[in-house]
Amino acid sequence: QVQLVESGGGLVQAGGSLRLSCAASGLTFSNYAMGWFRQAPGEAREFVAAISRSGGGTIYADFVKGRFTISRDNAKNAVYLQMNTLEPEDTAVYYCHADSRSYRALPRDYGMNYWGKGTLVTVSS
């Protein structure tokens, strides 16, 4: 019933940009903080960015500050991740996450809640 669908991944050269989108359905979107996580092969899933229910607050992992921007449009039930100055180390599957807790909780843990199936971002050197 609840569905999160990511899109926008692909292959880019280092220094390039991508914009990821996540479309949500089956939930009251404005009641959820939203986040982006990523997972490289053989690595643990890690936090990338989070945004509050209203969109007024954001948190970023240190390794993407100044390069990535998270935003949301509650009228469209969508959250976005603008990724600039991409590096090969950014290569991973990027997952959209909906969380009923405060967005401040997302860097600490992600618990259960809801996940998309992911979109692959590959950055060549």
N, C-alpha and C. Protein backbone atom coordinates (compact mmCIF):
# COMPACT_ATOMS: atom_id res chain seq x y z
N GLN A 1 0.83 -1.20 0.00
CA GLN A 1 0.00 0.00 0.00
C GLN A 1 0.87 1.25 0.00
N VAL A 2 1.80 1.33 0.96
CA VAL A 2 2.76 2.43 0.96
C VAL A 2 3.82 2.13 -0.09
N GLN A 3 4.11 3.13 -0.91
CA GLN A 3 5.06 2.94 -1.98
C GLN A 3 5.93 4.18 -2.13
N LEU A 4 7.23 3.96 -2.19
CA LEU A 4 8.21 5.00 -2.48
C LEU A 4 8.97 4.57 -3.72
N VAL A 5 8.99 5.42 -4.73
CA VAL A 5 9.61 5.08 -6.00
C VAL A 5 10.65 6.12 -6.36
N GLU A 6 11.92 5.69 -6.38
CA GLU A 6 13.02 6.58 -6.74
C GLU A 6 13.24 6.58 -8.25
N SER A 7 13.77 7.68 -8.74
CA SER A 7 14.16 7.79 -10.13
C SER A 7 15.26 8.83 -10.26
N GLY A 8 15.92 8.85 -11.40
CA GLY A 8 16.93 9.85 -11.68
C GLY A 8 18.36 9.38 -11.62
N GLY A 9 18.59 8.15 -11.20
CA GLY A 9 19.94 7.63 -11.17
C GLY A 9 20.48 7.39 -12.57
N GLY A 10 21.78 7.15 -12.64
CA GLY A 10 22.41 6.90 -13.92
C GLY A 10 23.91 6.97 -13.81
N LEU A 11 24.56 7.02 -14.97
CA LEU A 11 26.01 7.07 -15.07
C LEU A 11 26.45 8.49 -15.43
N VAL A 12 27.34 9.04 -14.62
CA VAL A 12 27.87 10.38 -14.87
C VAL A 12 29.37 10.38 -14.62
N GLN A 13 30.06 11.34 -15.22
CA GLN A 13 31.48 11.52 -14.96
C GLN A 13 31.70 12.31 -13.68
N ALA A 14 32.85 12.11 -13.07
CA ALA A 14 33.20 12.89 -11.89
C ALA A 14 33.08 14.38 -12.19
N GLY A 15 32.50 15.11 -11.24
CA GLY A 15 32.26 16.53 -11.41
C GLY A 15 30.88 16.85 -11.96
N GLY A 16 30.16 15.84 -12.41
CA GLY A 16 28.84 16.04 -12.97
C GLY A 16 27.76 16.11 -11.92
N SER A 17 26.51 16.21 -12.38
CA SER A 17 25.36 16.36 -11.50
C SER A 17 24.24 15.41 -11.87
N LEU A 18 23.45 15.06 -10.87
CA LEU A 18 22.22 14.30 -11.05
C LEU A 18 21.18 14.83 -10.07
N ARG A 19 19.92 14.69 -10.43
CA ARG A 19 18.83 15.02 -9.54
C ARG A 19 17.96 13.78 -9.34
N LEU A 20 17.93 13.27 -8.12
CA LEU A 20 17.11 12.13 -7.79
C LEU A 20 15.74 12.59 -7.32
N SER A 21 14.72 11.81 -7.65
CA SER A 21 13.36 12.07 -7.22
C SER A 21 12.80 10.85 -6.51
N CYS A 22 11.90 11.08 -5.58
CA CYS A 22 11.20 10.02 -4.88
C CYS A 22 9.73 10.39 -4.81
N ALA A 23 8.88 9.58 -5.41
CA ALA A 23 7.44 9.79 -5.38
C ALA A 23 6.81 8.86 -4.36
N ALA A 24 6.03 9.43 -3.45
CA ALA A 24 5.41 8.66 -2.38
C ALA A 24 3.91 8.54 -2.59
N SER A 25 3.37 7.40 -2.19
CA SER A 25 1.93 7.18 -2.24
C SER A 25 1.52 6.23 -1.12
N GLY A 26 0.25 6.26 -0.74
CA GLY A 26 -0.25 5.36 0.28
C GLY A 26 0.01 5.80 1.71
N LEU A 27 0.48 7.02 1.90
CA LEU A 27 0.70 7.56 3.23
C LEU A 27 0.40 9.05 3.23
N THR A 28 0.17 9.59 4.41
CA THR A 28 0.00 11.04 4.54
C THR A 28 1.38 11.66 4.52
N PHE A 29 1.78 12.14 3.37
CA PHE A 29 3.17 12.52 3.13
C PHE A 29 3.66 13.58 4.10
N SER A 30 2.82 14.55 4.41
CA SER A 30 3.24 15.65 5.28
C SER A 30 3.47 15.22 6.73
N ASN A 31 3.07 14.02 7.10
CA ASN A 31 3.30 13.50 8.45
C ASN A 31 4.66 12.83 8.61
N TYR A 32 5.43 12.77 7.54
CA TYR A 32 6.70 12.04 7.56
C TYR A 32 7.88 12.92 7.25
N ALA A 33 8.90 12.81 8.08
CA ALA A 33 10.21 13.29 7.67
C ALA A 33 10.71 12.38 6.55
N MET A 34 11.49 12.93 5.65
CA MET A 34 12.01 12.16 4.52
C MET A 34 13.53 12.20 4.51
N GLY A 35 14.10 11.15 3.99
CA GLY A 35 15.55 11.10 3.93
C GLY A 35 16.06 10.32 2.75
N TRP A 36 17.34 10.50 2.49
CA TRP A 36 18.06 9.72 1.49
C TRP A 36 19.20 8.98 2.17
N PHE A 37 19.33 7.71 1.85
CA PHE A 37 20.42 6.87 2.30
C PHE A 37 21.07 6.25 1.07
N ARG A 38 22.27 5.75 1.23
CA ARG A 38 22.93 5.10 0.11
C ARG A 38 23.71 3.88 0.60
N GLN A 39 23.93 2.96 -0.33
CA GLN A 39 24.64 1.74 0.00
C GLN A 39 25.49 1.30 -1.18
N ALA A 40 26.79 1.25 -0.98
CA ALA A 40 27.72 0.76 -1.98
C ALA A 40 27.88 -0.75 -1.79
N PRO A 41 28.30 -1.47 -2.84
CA PRO A 41 28.48 -2.92 -2.72
C PRO A 41 29.42 -3.28 -1.58
N GLY A 42 29.00 -4.20 -0.74
CA GLY A 42 29.82 -4.65 0.37
C GLY A 42 29.88 -3.70 1.54
N GLU A 43 29.14 -2.60 1.47
CA GLU A 43 29.16 -1.60 2.53
C GLU A 43 27.81 -1.53 3.23
N ALA A 44 27.81 -0.96 4.42
CA ALA A 44 26.57 -0.74 5.15
C ALA A 44 25.82 0.45 4.57
N ARG A 45 24.52 0.43 4.73
CA ARG A 45 23.73 1.56 4.31
C ARG A 45 24.06 2.77 5.19
N GLU A 46 24.25 3.94 4.58
CA GLU A 46 24.63 5.12 5.33
C GLU A 46 23.73 6.30 5.02
N PHE A 47 23.61 7.16 6.00
CA PHE A 47 22.78 8.36 5.89
C PHE A 47 23.40 9.37 4.95
N VAL A 48 22.56 10.02 4.14
CA VAL A 48 23.00 11.06 3.23
C VAL A 48 22.40 12.41 3.58
N ALA A 49 21.08 12.48 3.69
CA ALA A 49 20.41 13.75 3.95
C ALA A 49 19.01 13.50 4.48
N ALA A 50 18.48 14.46 5.24
CA ALA A 50 17.13 14.37 5.77
C ALA A 50 16.46 15.73 5.72
N ILE A 51 15.14 15.73 5.66
CA ILE A 51 14.37 16.96 5.63
C ILE A 51 13.14 16.80 6.51
N SER A 52 12.78 17.87 7.20
CA SER A 52 11.67 17.83 8.13
C SER A 52 10.33 17.74 7.40
N ARG A 53 9.27 17.48 8.17
CA ARG A 53 7.95 17.32 7.58
C ARG A 53 7.50 18.52 6.77
N SER A 54 7.79 19.71 7.26
CA SER A 54 7.41 20.93 6.57
C SER A 54 8.41 21.37 5.52
N GLY A 55 9.59 20.79 5.54
CA GLY A 55 10.65 21.21 4.65
C GLY A 55 11.53 22.31 5.20
N GLY A 56 11.25 22.76 6.42
CA GLY A 56 11.98 23.87 6.99
C GLY A 56 13.32 23.53 7.61
N GLY A 57 13.58 22.26 7.83
CA GLY A 57 14.84 21.85 8.42
C GLY A 57 15.51 20.76 7.61
N THR A 58 16.82 20.84 7.48
CA THR A 58 17.58 19.83 6.74
C THR A 58 18.83 19.45 7.51
N ILE A 59 19.28 18.23 7.28
CA ILE A 59 20.52 17.72 7.85
C ILE A 59 21.25 16.96 6.76
N TYR A 60 22.58 17.13 6.72
CA TYR A 60 23.40 16.46 5.72
C TYR A 60 24.55 15.71 6.37
N ALA A 61 24.90 14.59 5.78
CA ALA A 61 26.13 13.92 6.17
C ALA A 61 27.31 14.81 5.80
N ASP A 62 28.38 14.72 6.59
CA ASP A 62 29.53 15.59 6.36
C ASP A 62 30.12 15.42 4.97
N PHE A 63 30.08 14.23 4.43
CA PHE A 63 30.74 13.98 3.15
C PHE A 63 29.99 14.55 1.95
N VAL A 64 28.78 15.08 2.15
CA VAL A 64 28.04 15.67 1.03
C VAL A 64 27.71 17.15 1.25
N LYS A 65 28.05 17.70 2.39
CA LYS A 65 27.76 19.11 2.66
C LYS A 65 28.42 20.01 1.61
N GLY A 66 27.63 20.94 1.08
CA GLY A 66 28.12 21.84 0.06
C GLY A 66 27.99 21.30 -1.34
N ARG A 67 27.64 20.03 -1.49
CA ARG A 67 27.49 19.42 -2.81
C ARG A 67 26.06 18.96 -3.10
N PHE A 68 25.38 18.44 -2.08
CA PHE A 68 24.03 17.90 -2.26
C PHE A 68 23.00 18.80 -1.58
N THR A 69 21.79 18.83 -2.13
CA THR A 69 20.69 19.58 -1.56
C THR A 69 19.43 18.72 -1.56
N ILE A 70 18.82 18.56 -0.39
CA ILE A 70 17.56 17.84 -0.29
C ILE A 70 16.41 18.86 -0.26
N SER A 71 15.31 18.52 -0.90
CA SER A 71 14.13 19.37 -0.88
C SER A 71 12.89 18.50 -0.99
N ARG A 72 11.73 19.08 -0.71
CA ARG A 72 10.48 18.32 -0.84
C ARG A 72 9.37 19.23 -1.32
N ASP A 73 8.37 18.61 -1.93
CA ASP A 73 7.18 19.31 -2.38
C ASP A 73 5.99 18.51 -1.87
N ASN A 74 5.40 18.98 -0.77
CA ASN A 74 4.32 18.22 -0.15
C ASN A 74 3.06 18.17 -1.01
N ALA A 75 2.88 19.15 -1.88
CA ALA A 75 1.74 19.14 -2.78
C ALA A 75 1.86 18.04 -3.82
N LYS A 76 3.09 17.62 -4.11
CA LYS A 76 3.34 16.57 -5.09
C LYS A 76 3.73 15.24 -4.45
N ASN A 77 3.77 15.19 -3.13
CA ASN A 77 4.21 13.97 -2.42
C ASN A 77 5.56 13.49 -2.94
N ALA A 78 6.50 14.42 -3.01
CA ALA A 78 7.79 14.09 -3.59
C ALA A 78 8.94 14.71 -2.80
N VAL A 79 10.05 14.02 -2.80
CA VAL A 79 11.28 14.51 -2.20
C VAL A 79 12.39 14.36 -3.24
N TYR A 80 13.37 15.28 -3.21
CA TYR A 80 14.40 15.32 -4.23
C TYR A 80 15.77 15.39 -3.59
N LEU A 81 16.76 14.98 -4.35
CA LEU A 81 18.15 15.13 -3.94
C LEU A 81 18.94 15.63 -5.14
N GLN A 82 19.33 16.89 -5.09
CA GLN A 82 20.19 17.46 -6.12
C GLN A 82 21.63 17.18 -5.75
N MET A 83 22.34 16.49 -6.62
CA MET A 83 23.71 16.08 -6.36
C MET A 83 24.63 16.76 -7.36
N ASN A 84 25.53 17.59 -6.87
CA ASN A 84 26.49 18.29 -7.70
C ASN A 84 27.90 17.86 -7.35
N THR A 85 28.83 18.14 -8.25
CA THR A 85 30.24 17.82 -8.04
C THR A 85 30.40 16.38 -7.56
N LEU A 86 29.79 15.48 -8.29
CA LEU A 86 29.82 14.07 -7.91
C LEU A 86 31.23 13.50 -8.00
N GLU A 87 31.51 12.59 -7.11
CA GLU A 87 32.81 11.93 -7.02
C GLU A 87 32.62 10.43 -7.17
N PRO A 88 33.65 9.69 -7.60
CA PRO A 88 33.51 8.24 -7.69
C PRO A 88 33.06 7.59 -6.39
N GLU A 89 33.44 8.17 -5.27
CA GLU A 89 33.04 7.65 -3.96
C GLU A 89 31.55 7.77 -3.70
N ASP A 90 30.84 8.55 -4.51
CA ASP A 90 29.40 8.67 -4.38
C ASP A 90 28.65 7.52 -5.05
N THR A 91 29.35 6.66 -5.76
CA THR A 91 28.72 5.53 -6.43
C THR A 91 28.04 4.62 -5.42
N ALA A 92 26.75 4.41 -5.59
CA ALA A 92 25.96 3.61 -4.66
C ALA A 92 24.53 3.52 -5.16
N VAL A 93 23.76 2.64 -4.54
CA VAL A 93 22.32 2.65 -4.70
C VAL A 93 21.75 3.63 -3.69
N TYR A 94 20.96 4.57 -4.15
CA TYR A 94 20.38 5.59 -3.30
C TYR A 94 18.92 5.24 -3.00
N TYR A 95 18.58 5.27 -1.71
CA TYR A 95 17.26 4.87 -1.24
C TYR A 95 16.51 6.04 -0.62
N CYS A 96 15.24 6.12 -0.94
CA CYS A 96 14.34 7.08 -0.32
C CYS A 96 13.73 6.46 0.93
N HIS A 97 13.59 7.25 2.00
CA HIS A 97 13.10 6.76 3.28
C HIS A 97 12.07 7.71 3.86
N ALA A 98 10.97 7.16 4.33
CA ALA A 98 9.93 7.91 5.04
C ALA A 98 9.94 7.49 6.49
N ASP A 99 9.95 8.46 7.40
CA ASP A 99 10.09 8.19 8.83
C ASP A 99 9.08 9.02 9.62
N SER A 100 8.35 8.36 10.52
CA SER A 100 7.34 9.05 11.31
C SER A 100 7.93 9.87 12.45
N ARG A 101 9.23 9.75 12.70
CA ARG A 101 9.90 10.49 13.75
C ARG A 101 10.37 11.85 13.23
N SER A 102 10.95 12.63 14.12
CA SER A 102 11.59 13.88 13.71
C SER A 102 12.72 13.60 12.74
N TYR A 103 12.95 14.52 11.82
CA TYR A 103 14.06 14.37 10.87
C TYR A 103 15.40 14.30 11.58
N ARG A 104 15.47 14.83 12.79
CA ARG A 104 16.73 14.80 13.56
C ARG A 104 17.13 13.38 13.94
N ALA A 105 16.20 12.44 13.90
CA ALA A 105 16.52 11.06 14.24
C ALA A 105 17.22 10.31 13.12
N LEU A 106 17.07 10.75 11.90
CA LEU A 106 17.54 9.98 10.75
C LEU A 106 19.06 9.77 10.69
N PRO A 107 19.88 10.77 11.06
CA PRO A 107 21.33 10.50 11.05
C PRO A 107 21.76 9.44 12.06
N ARG A 108 20.98 9.22 13.09
CA ARG A 108 21.33 8.26 14.14
C ARG A 108 20.96 6.84 13.76
N ASP A 109 19.76 6.65 13.25
CA ASP A 109 19.28 5.33 12.87
C ASP A 109 18.06 5.49 11.97
N TYR A 110 17.72 4.41 11.28
CA TYR A 110 16.58 4.47 10.38
C TYR A 110 15.45 3.53 10.74
N GLY A 111 15.67 2.65 11.69
CA GLY A 111 14.62 1.78 12.18
C GLY A 111 13.87 1.05 11.08
N MET A 112 12.58 0.99 11.22
CA MET A 112 11.75 0.32 10.21
C MET A 112 11.17 1.36 9.24
N ASN A 113 9.95 1.75 9.46
CA ASN A 113 9.28 2.72 8.59
C ASN A 113 9.29 2.24 7.14
N TYR A 114 9.50 3.15 6.18
CA TYR A 114 9.30 2.78 4.78
C TYR A 114 10.50 3.11 3.91
N TRP A 115 10.72 2.26 2.91
CA TRP A 115 11.85 2.40 2.00
C TRP A 115 11.40 2.22 0.56
N GLY A 116 12.07 2.93 -0.35
CA GLY A 116 11.95 2.62 -1.75
C GLY A 116 12.89 1.50 -2.12
N LYS A 117 12.86 1.10 -3.39
CA LYS A 117 13.71 0.01 -3.85
C LYS A 117 15.08 0.48 -4.32
N GLY A 118 15.27 1.77 -4.45
CA GLY A 118 16.57 2.33 -4.75
C GLY A 118 16.78 2.66 -6.21
N THR A 119 17.70 3.58 -6.47
CA THR A 119 18.12 3.93 -7.81
C THR A 119 19.65 4.01 -7.83
N LEU A 120 20.26 3.44 -8.85
CA LEU A 120 21.71 3.32 -8.90
C LEU A 120 22.35 4.57 -9.48
N VAL A 121 23.33 5.09 -8.76
CA VAL A 121 24.15 6.20 -9.21
C VAL A 121 25.58 5.69 -9.39
N THR A 122 26.12 5.84 -10.59
CA THR A 122 27.48 5.43 -10.88
C THR A 122 28.27 6.63 -11.38
N VAL A 123 29.37 6.92 -10.71
CA VAL A 123 30.21 8.07 -11.06
C VAL A 123 31.56 7.55 -11.52
N SER A 124 31.90 7.83 -12.76
CA SER A 124 33.17 7.38 -13.32
C SER A 124 34.25 8.41 -13.08
N SER A 125 35.48 7.94 -12.95
CA SER A 125 36.61 8.82 -12.69
C SER A 125 37.15 9.43 -13.97
